[in-house]
Amino acid sequence: MVMTSSQRLDATFAALADPTRRAILARLALGEASVTELARPFAMTQPAISKHLNVLERAGLISHGQDAQRRPRRLEVQPLADVSDWLEGYRQFWEVRFQHLDALLDEMKTKVKKRRRAKR
């Protein structure tokens, strides 16, 4: 199934909404790991961890390889880059708004200073 850009973002944000999945991604940022290695820090069963891994895989955030009996997971960066690109548009929007606010505040400060001088 081919996902649209919007569907990919939805899947990525849904996957990132869970703290366990974010912790798994943080671990995979250090390098690939097996399911057993990924499950170790959590107080949950391996099937529960596997469900989290499936969500991450469906979102494209991780992939797995084949190393004999081991199927190490690895981080896939493109979905995170897509989120970053999407957020960048909003960051730029707010940056412009804050610049306008700064200019307005500077203008207001200048008017207050002029009024104070005029009263003297």
N, C-alpha and C. Protein backbone atom coordinates (compact mmCIF):
# COMPACT_ATOMS: atom_id res chain seq x y z
N MET A 1 0.83 -1.18 0.00
CA MET A 1 0.00 0.00 0.00
C MET A 1 0.88 1.25 0.00
N VAL A 2 0.60 2.15 -0.92
CA VAL A 2 1.33 3.41 -1.02
C VAL A 2 0.58 4.45 -0.19
N MET A 3 1.32 5.10 0.71
CA MET A 3 0.70 6.11 1.57
C MET A 3 0.96 7.50 1.00
N THR A 4 -0.01 8.38 1.17
CA THR A 4 0.19 9.77 0.79
C THR A 4 1.08 10.45 1.83
N SER A 5 1.54 11.63 1.51
CA SER A 5 2.37 12.39 2.43
C SER A 5 1.64 12.62 3.75
N SER A 6 0.37 12.94 3.66
CA SER A 6 -0.44 13.18 4.86
C SER A 6 -0.58 11.90 5.69
N GLN A 7 -0.79 10.78 5.03
CA GLN A 7 -0.92 9.50 5.75
C GLN A 7 0.40 9.12 6.41
N ARG A 8 1.53 9.40 5.75
CA ARG A 8 2.83 9.10 6.34
C ARG A 8 3.06 9.94 7.60
N LEU A 9 2.70 11.24 7.51
CA LEU A 9 2.83 12.09 8.68
C LEU A 9 1.93 11.61 9.81
N ASP A 10 0.69 11.24 9.48
CA ASP A 10 -0.23 10.72 10.50
C ASP A 10 0.35 9.48 11.18
N ALA A 11 0.89 8.57 10.39
CA ALA A 11 1.46 7.33 10.94
C ALA A 11 2.68 7.63 11.81
N THR A 12 3.49 8.58 11.37
CA THR A 12 4.68 8.94 12.13
C THR A 12 4.30 9.56 13.47
N PHE A 13 3.38 10.53 13.43
CA PHE A 13 2.97 11.17 14.68
C PHE A 13 2.28 10.18 15.61
N ALA A 14 1.48 9.28 15.07
CA ALA A 14 0.82 8.27 15.90
C ALA A 14 1.87 7.37 16.57
N ALA A 15 2.89 6.99 15.81
CA ALA A 15 3.95 6.15 16.37
C ALA A 15 4.74 6.89 17.44
N LEU A 16 4.98 8.18 17.22
CA LEU A 16 5.77 8.97 18.16
C LEU A 16 4.97 9.36 19.41
N ALA A 17 3.67 9.16 19.39
CA ALA A 17 2.82 9.55 20.52
C ALA A 17 3.07 8.70 21.76
N ASP A 18 3.65 7.54 21.60
CA ASP A 18 3.85 6.63 22.73
C ASP A 18 5.29 6.74 23.26
N PRO A 19 5.44 6.92 24.59
CA PRO A 19 6.79 7.07 25.16
C PRO A 19 7.67 5.83 25.00
N THR A 20 7.08 4.65 24.99
CA THR A 20 7.88 3.43 24.79
C THR A 20 8.47 3.43 23.40
N ARG A 21 7.67 3.80 22.41
CA ARG A 21 8.18 3.83 21.03
C ARG A 21 9.24 4.90 20.86
N ARG A 22 9.06 6.04 21.52
CA ARG A 22 10.11 7.08 21.45
C ARG A 22 11.40 6.59 22.09
N ALA A 23 11.29 5.85 23.18
CA ALA A 23 12.48 5.29 23.84
C ALA A 23 13.16 4.26 22.93
N ILE A 24 12.37 3.47 22.24
CA ILE A 24 12.94 2.48 21.31
C ILE A 24 13.70 3.21 20.20
N LEU A 25 13.11 4.28 19.67
CA LEU A 25 13.80 5.04 18.63
C LEU A 25 15.09 5.66 19.15
N ALA A 26 15.04 6.16 20.39
CA ALA A 26 16.26 6.73 20.97
C ALA A 26 17.35 5.67 21.08
N ARG A 27 16.98 4.47 21.46
CA ARG A 27 17.95 3.37 21.54
C ARG A 27 18.51 3.04 20.17
N LEU A 28 17.61 2.98 19.16
CA LEU A 28 18.06 2.63 17.81
C LEU A 28 18.90 3.74 17.18
N ALA A 29 18.80 4.95 17.69
CA ALA A 29 19.66 6.03 17.20
C ALA A 29 21.12 5.75 17.53
N LEU A 30 21.35 4.88 18.53
CA LEU A 30 22.72 4.49 18.90
C LEU A 30 23.25 3.36 18.03
N GLY A 31 22.37 2.69 17.31
CA GLY A 31 22.77 1.57 16.46
C GLY A 31 21.71 0.49 16.48
N GLU A 32 21.82 -0.44 15.54
CA GLU A 32 20.79 -1.48 15.44
C GLU A 32 20.80 -2.39 16.68
N ALA A 33 19.64 -3.02 16.90
CA ALA A 33 19.49 -3.87 18.08
C ALA A 33 18.45 -4.94 17.80
N SER A 34 18.57 -6.05 18.52
CA SER A 34 17.60 -7.14 18.41
C SER A 34 16.37 -6.81 19.25
N VAL A 35 15.30 -7.58 19.03
CA VAL A 35 14.08 -7.39 19.82
C VAL A 35 14.39 -7.60 21.30
N THR A 36 15.18 -8.61 21.61
CA THR A 36 15.55 -8.88 23.00
C THR A 36 16.28 -7.69 23.61
N GLU A 37 17.21 -7.13 22.87
CA GLU A 37 17.95 -5.96 23.37
C GLU A 37 17.02 -4.76 23.56
N LEU A 38 16.08 -4.60 22.64
CA LEU A 38 15.15 -3.48 22.74
C LEU A 38 14.17 -3.65 23.89
N ALA A 39 13.81 -4.90 24.19
CA ALA A 39 12.84 -5.18 25.26
C ALA A 39 13.46 -5.05 26.65
N ARG A 40 14.76 -5.23 26.75
CA ARG A 40 15.45 -5.31 28.05
C ARG A 40 15.09 -4.19 29.03
N PRO A 41 15.08 -2.91 28.63
CA PRO A 41 14.83 -1.86 29.64
C PRO A 41 13.36 -1.69 30.05
N PHE A 42 12.47 -2.42 29.41
CA PHE A 42 11.04 -2.22 29.67
C PHE A 42 10.45 -3.36 30.48
N ALA A 43 9.51 -3.02 31.34
CA ALA A 43 8.81 -4.02 32.15
C ALA A 43 7.57 -4.48 31.37
N MET A 44 7.81 -5.11 30.24
CA MET A 44 6.71 -5.64 29.44
C MET A 44 7.17 -6.88 28.71
N THR A 45 6.23 -7.64 28.23
CA THR A 45 6.55 -8.89 27.55
C THR A 45 7.14 -8.62 26.17
N GLN A 46 7.80 -9.62 25.65
CA GLN A 46 8.36 -9.48 24.31
C GLN A 46 7.26 -9.31 23.26
N PRO A 47 6.10 -10.00 23.38
CA PRO A 47 5.02 -9.72 22.42
C PRO A 47 4.54 -8.27 22.46
N ALA A 48 4.54 -7.68 23.65
CA ALA A 48 4.14 -6.27 23.75
C ALA A 48 5.15 -5.37 23.04
N ILE A 49 6.43 -5.67 23.23
CA ILE A 49 7.47 -4.91 22.52
C ILE A 49 7.32 -5.11 21.02
N SER A 50 7.03 -6.33 20.60
CA SER A 50 6.85 -6.61 19.18
C SER A 50 5.71 -5.79 18.58
N LYS A 51 4.65 -5.59 19.35
CA LYS A 51 3.55 -4.74 18.86
C LYS A 51 4.03 -3.31 18.65
N HIS A 52 4.83 -2.80 19.57
CA HIS A 52 5.39 -1.46 19.40
C HIS A 52 6.29 -1.41 18.17
N LEU A 53 7.09 -2.44 17.98
CA LEU A 53 7.98 -2.48 16.81
C LEU A 53 7.17 -2.51 15.52
N ASN A 54 6.06 -3.23 15.52
CA ASN A 54 5.21 -3.28 14.32
C ASN A 54 4.65 -1.90 13.98
N VAL A 55 4.24 -1.16 15.00
CA VAL A 55 3.74 0.20 14.77
C VAL A 55 4.85 1.06 14.16
N LEU A 56 6.05 0.95 14.71
CA LEU A 56 7.19 1.72 14.21
C LEU A 56 7.54 1.32 12.78
N GLU A 57 7.46 0.03 12.49
CA GLU A 57 7.75 -0.45 11.13
C GLU A 57 6.70 0.04 10.14
N ARG A 58 5.42 -0.05 10.51
CA ARG A 58 4.36 0.42 9.61
C ARG A 58 4.49 1.91 9.30
N ALA A 59 4.99 2.66 10.28
CA ALA A 59 5.21 4.10 10.08
C ALA A 59 6.49 4.37 9.28
N GLY A 60 7.28 3.33 9.04
CA GLY A 60 8.53 3.49 8.30
C GLY A 60 9.68 4.01 9.14
N LEU A 61 9.48 4.08 10.46
CA LEU A 61 10.51 4.63 11.34
C LEU A 61 11.64 3.64 11.62
N ILE A 62 11.35 2.35 11.49
CA ILE A 62 12.39 1.34 11.67
C ILE A 62 12.26 0.30 10.57
N SER A 63 13.33 -0.43 10.37
CA SER A 63 13.32 -1.57 9.45
C SER A 63 14.10 -2.69 10.13
N HIS A 64 14.03 -3.87 9.55
CA HIS A 64 14.79 -4.98 10.13
C HIS A 64 15.58 -5.68 9.04
N GLY A 65 16.69 -6.22 9.46
CA GLY A 65 17.54 -6.97 8.57
C GLY A 65 17.52 -8.43 8.95
N GLN A 66 18.38 -9.20 8.34
CA GLN A 66 18.48 -10.63 8.65
C GLN A 66 19.95 -10.93 8.89
N ASP A 67 20.25 -11.41 10.08
CA ASP A 67 21.62 -11.77 10.44
C ASP A 67 21.54 -13.15 11.10
N ALA A 68 21.60 -14.20 10.28
CA ALA A 68 21.42 -15.58 10.74
C ALA A 68 20.04 -15.69 11.39
N GLN A 69 19.97 -16.06 12.67
CA GLN A 69 18.70 -16.17 13.38
C GLN A 69 18.22 -14.82 13.91
N ARG A 70 19.08 -13.87 13.91
CA ARG A 70 18.80 -12.55 14.48
C ARG A 70 18.20 -11.63 13.41
N ARG A 71 17.21 -10.84 13.78
CA ARG A 71 16.63 -9.86 12.86
C ARG A 71 16.76 -8.47 13.50
N PRO A 72 17.95 -7.88 13.41
CA PRO A 72 18.17 -6.59 14.07
C PRO A 72 17.31 -5.48 13.47
N ARG A 73 16.85 -4.60 14.35
CA ARG A 73 16.07 -3.43 13.90
C ARG A 73 17.03 -2.26 13.77
N ARG A 74 16.69 -1.38 12.84
CA ARG A 74 17.50 -0.17 12.66
C ARG A 74 16.58 1.02 12.42
N LEU A 75 17.06 2.17 12.79
CA LEU A 75 16.32 3.42 12.63
C LEU A 75 16.32 3.84 11.17
N GLU A 76 15.17 4.29 10.69
CA GLU A 76 15.04 4.86 9.35
C GLU A 76 14.75 6.35 9.53
N VAL A 77 15.58 7.18 8.96
CA VAL A 77 15.50 8.61 9.26
C VAL A 77 14.52 9.40 8.39
N GLN A 78 14.14 8.89 7.25
CA GLN A 78 13.32 9.69 6.34
C GLN A 78 11.99 10.15 6.94
N PRO A 79 11.25 9.29 7.65
CA PRO A 79 10.00 9.80 8.25
C PRO A 79 10.23 10.94 9.25
N LEU A 80 11.33 10.87 9.98
CA LEU A 80 11.64 11.95 10.92
C LEU A 80 12.06 13.22 10.17
N ALA A 81 12.75 13.05 9.05
CA ALA A 81 13.10 14.21 8.22
C ALA A 81 11.83 14.84 7.63
N ASP A 82 10.86 14.01 7.26
CA ASP A 82 9.59 14.53 6.74
C ASP A 82 8.86 15.35 7.80
N VAL A 83 8.86 14.86 9.03
CA VAL A 83 8.23 15.60 10.14
C VAL A 83 8.97 16.92 10.35
N SER A 84 10.28 16.87 10.33
CA SER A 84 11.08 18.08 10.51
C SER A 84 10.77 19.11 9.42
N ASP A 85 10.67 18.65 8.18
CA ASP A 85 10.34 19.55 7.06
C ASP A 85 8.96 20.16 7.26
N TRP A 86 8.00 19.35 7.69
CA TRP A 86 6.64 19.83 7.91
C TRP A 86 6.63 20.89 9.02
N LEU A 87 7.35 20.61 10.10
CA LEU A 87 7.40 21.55 11.21
C LEU A 87 8.15 22.84 10.85
N GLU A 88 9.10 22.74 9.95
CA GLU A 88 9.89 23.91 9.55
C GLU A 88 9.00 25.01 8.99
N GLY A 89 7.98 24.65 8.23
CA GLY A 89 7.06 25.66 7.71
C GLY A 89 6.38 26.43 8.83
N TYR A 90 6.00 25.73 9.87
CA TYR A 90 5.37 26.39 11.02
C TYR A 90 6.38 27.20 11.82
N ARG A 91 7.59 26.70 11.92
CA ARG A 91 8.63 27.45 12.62
C ARG A 91 8.87 28.78 11.92
N GLN A 92 8.95 28.76 10.59
CA GLN A 92 9.16 29.99 9.82
C GLN A 92 7.98 30.94 10.00
N PHE A 93 6.76 30.39 9.97
CA PHE A 93 5.56 31.20 10.17
C PHE A 93 5.64 31.95 11.50
N TRP A 94 5.95 31.21 12.58
CA TRP A 94 6.00 31.83 13.89
C TRP A 94 7.20 32.77 14.03
N GLU A 95 8.28 32.48 13.38
CA GLU A 95 9.44 33.36 13.42
C GLU A 95 9.08 34.73 12.86
N VAL A 96 8.36 34.77 11.74
CA VAL A 96 7.92 36.03 11.14
C VAL A 96 6.98 36.76 12.10
N ARG A 97 6.06 36.02 12.71
CA ARG A 97 5.11 36.64 13.64
C ARG A 97 5.84 37.23 14.85
N PHE A 98 6.82 36.53 15.37
CA PHE A 98 7.59 37.03 16.51
C PHE A 98 8.42 38.26 16.12
N GLN A 99 8.93 38.29 14.90
CA GLN A 99 9.66 39.47 14.44
C GLN A 99 8.74 40.68 14.38
N HIS A 100 7.51 40.47 13.91
CA HIS A 100 6.53 41.56 13.87
C HIS A 100 6.19 42.02 15.29
N LEU A 101 6.03 41.08 16.20
CA LEU A 101 5.74 41.41 17.60
C LEU A 101 6.91 42.20 18.21
N ASP A 102 8.14 41.76 17.94
CA ASP A 102 9.31 42.48 18.45
C ASP A 102 9.33 43.92 17.94
N ALA A 103 9.02 44.10 16.64
CA ALA A 103 9.00 45.44 16.06
C ALA A 103 7.91 46.29 16.71
N LEU A 104 6.75 45.71 16.94
CA LEU A 104 5.65 46.44 17.59
C LEU A 104 6.04 46.82 19.02
N LEU A 105 6.64 45.91 19.76
CA LEU A 105 7.06 46.21 21.13
C LEU A 105 8.12 47.30 21.15
N ASP A 106 9.06 47.26 20.22
CA ASP A 106 10.08 48.31 20.13
C ASP A 106 9.43 49.66 19.85
N GLU A 107 8.45 49.67 18.96
CA GLU A 107 7.73 50.90 18.63
C GLU A 107 7.00 51.44 19.86
N MET A 108 6.36 50.55 20.60
CA MET A 108 5.64 50.97 21.80
C MET A 108 6.60 51.52 22.86
N LYS A 109 7.75 50.88 23.01
CA LYS A 109 8.74 51.37 23.98
C LYS A 109 9.22 52.77 23.60
N THR A 110 9.44 52.97 22.31
CA THR A 110 9.90 54.27 21.83
C THR A 110 8.85 55.34 22.13
N LYS A 111 7.57 55.04 21.91
CA LYS A 111 6.50 55.99 22.19
C LYS A 111 6.44 56.32 23.67
N VAL A 112 6.59 55.32 24.54
CA VAL A 112 6.58 55.55 25.98
C VAL A 112 7.74 56.45 26.38
N LYS A 113 8.92 56.19 25.84
CA LYS A 113 10.08 57.02 26.16
C LYS A 113 9.87 58.47 25.72
N LYS A 114 9.27 58.67 24.54
CA LYS A 114 9.01 60.02 24.03
C LYS A 114 8.02 60.74 24.93
N ARG A 115 7.00 60.05 25.40
CA ARG A 115 6.00 60.65 26.30
C ARG A 115 6.64 61.06 27.61
N ARG A 116 7.53 60.21 28.13
CA ARG A 116 8.21 60.52 29.39
C ARG A 116 9.08 61.77 29.24
N ARG A 117 9.78 61.86 28.12
CA ARG A 117 10.63 63.03 27.86
C ARG A 117 9.80 64.30 27.73
N ALA A 118 8.65 64.16 27.07
CA ALA A 118 7.78 65.32 26.85
C ALA A 118 7.20 65.84 28.16
N LYS A 119 6.99 64.96 29.13
CA LYS A 119 6.43 65.37 30.43
C LYS A 119 7.44 66.12 31.27
N ARG A 120 8.71 65.95 31.02
CA ARG A 120 9.76 66.59 31.85
C ARG A 120 9.86 68.03 31.58
